[in-house]
Amino acid sequence: MLTQLSRLFHVSADYILNGDTPDNLDPIVNEAIEILNNLKTDKAKKSALEMLRQIQILEG
């Protein structure tokens, strides 16, 4: 899941794990990562990731 999030948000796994915000990161992407990091269950995280994938497909 970590690898998928890294690819989806175009950030490193280290960034997702440690929360270090690069200066050039879009604030909306930063907020989305923070929300995903705060989800408590794997089921919630997988559901959120699937929603993001569907949005990505719609943008096609």
C-alpha atoms as a PDB file:
ATOM      1  CA  MET A   1       0.000   0.000   0.000  1.00  0.00           C
ATOM      2  CA  LEU A   2       2.885   2.350   0.796  1.00  0.00           C
ATOM      3  CA  THR A   3       4.336   1.928  -2.678  1.00  0.00           C
ATOM      4  CA  GLN A   4       0.957   2.591  -4.264  1.00  0.00           C
ATOM      5  CA  LEU A   5       0.487   5.772  -2.245  1.00  0.00           C
ATOM      6  CA  SER A   6       3.989   6.926  -3.160  1.00  0.00           C
ATOM      7  CA  ARG A   7       3.254   6.483  -6.834  1.00  0.00           C
ATOM      8  CA  LEU A   8      -0.194   8.023  -6.621  1.00  0.00           C
ATOM      9  CA  PHE A   9       1.023  11.174  -4.887  1.00  0.00           C
ATOM     10  CA  HIS A  10       4.441  11.274  -6.592  1.00  0.00           C
ATOM     11  CA  VAL A  11       6.297  11.361  -3.285  1.00  0.00           C
ATOM     12  CA  SER A  12       8.789   9.036  -1.617  1.00  0.00           C
ATOM     13  CA  ALA A  13       7.803   6.335   0.833  1.00  0.00           C
ATOM     14  CA  ASP A  14      10.071   8.103   3.305  1.00  0.00           C
ATOM     15  CA  TYR A  15       7.951  11.209   2.954  1.00  0.00           C
ATOM     16  CA  ILE A  16       4.769   9.270   3.677  1.00  0.00           C
ATOM     17  CA  LEU A  17       6.307   7.542   6.690  1.00  0.00           C
ATOM     18  CA  ASN A  18       8.053  10.553   8.218  1.00  0.00           C
ATOM     19  CA  GLY A  19       5.781  13.384   7.130  1.00  0.00           C
ATOM     20  CA  ASP A  20       8.572  15.656   5.993  1.00  0.00           C
ATOM     21  CA  THR A  21       6.928  18.122   3.644  1.00  0.00           C
ATOM     22  CA  PRO A  22       8.961  19.053   0.576  1.00  0.00           C
ATOM     23  CA  ASP A  23       8.717  22.735  -0.312  1.00  0.00           C
ATOM     24  CA  ASN A  24       7.304  21.976  -3.761  1.00  0.00           C
ATOM     25  CA  LEU A  25       4.482  19.639  -2.635  1.00  0.00           C
ATOM     26  CA  ASP A  26       0.965  20.737  -3.527  1.00  0.00           C
ATOM     27  CA  PRO A  27      -0.886  21.662  -0.297  1.00  0.00           C
ATOM     28  CA  ILE A  28      -3.909  19.613  -1.383  1.00  0.00           C
ATOM     29  CA  VAL A  29      -1.727  16.539  -1.869  1.00  0.00           C
ATOM     30  CA  ASN A  30      -0.159  17.168   1.527  1.00  0.00           C
ATOM     31  CA  GLU A  31      -3.595  17.307   3.140  1.00  0.00           C
ATOM     32  CA  ALA A  32      -4.688  14.098   1.392  1.00  0.00           C
ATOM     33  CA  ILE A  33      -1.598  12.294   2.658  1.00  0.00           C
ATOM     34  CA  GLU A  34      -2.234  13.554   6.172  1.00  0.00           C
ATOM     35  CA  ILE A  35      -5.817  12.271   6.034  1.00  0.00           C
ATOM     36  CA  LEU A  36      -4.662   8.864   4.755  1.00  0.00           C
ATOM     37  CA  ASN A  37      -2.003   8.661   7.453  1.00  0.00           C
ATOM     38  CA  ASN A  38      -4.633   9.333  10.125  1.00  0.00           C
ATOM     39  CA  LEU A  39      -7.020   6.594   9.022  1.00  0.00           C
ATOM     40  CA  LYS A  40      -7.021   3.857  11.631  1.00  0.00           C
ATOM     41  CA  THR A  41      -7.930   0.660   9.806  1.00  0.00           C
ATOM     42  CA  ASP A  42      -6.520  -1.022   6.733  1.00  0.00           C
ATOM     43  CA  LYS A  43     -10.061  -1.288   5.405  1.00  0.00           C
ATOM     44  CA  ALA A  44     -10.498   2.495   5.588  1.00  0.00           C
ATOM     45  CA  LYS A  45      -7.102   3.080   3.950  1.00  0.00           C
ATOM     46  CA  LYS A  46      -7.858   0.656   1.123  1.00  0.00           C
ATOM     47  CA  SER A  47     -11.272   2.241   0.581  1.00  0.00           C
ATOM     48  CA  ALA A  48      -9.775   5.720   0.410  1.00  0.00           C
ATOM     49  CA  LEU A  49      -7.109   4.553  -2.022  1.00  0.00           C
ATOM     50  CA  GLU A  50      -9.736   2.948  -4.236  1.00  0.00           C
ATOM     51  CA  MET A  51     -11.737   6.188  -4.296  1.00  0.00           C
ATOM     52  CA  LEU A  52      -8.628   8.073  -5.368  1.00  0.00           C
ATOM     53  CA  ARG A  53      -7.991   5.540  -8.118  1.00  0.00           C
ATOM     54  CA  GLN A  54     -11.529   5.995  -9.423  1.00  0.00           C
ATOM     55  CA  ILE A  55     -11.085   9.758  -9.512  1.00  0.00           C
ATOM     56  CA  GLN A  56      -7.799   9.283 -11.355  1.00  0.00           C
ATOM     57  CA  ILE A  57      -9.561   7.091 -13.924  1.00  0.00           C
ATOM     58  CA  LEU A  58     -12.296   9.703 -14.402  1.00  0.00           C
ATOM     59  CA  GLU A  59      -9.680  12.357 -15.087  1.00  0.00           C
ATOM     60  CA  GLY A  60      -8.167   9.965 -17.646  1.00  0.00           C
END
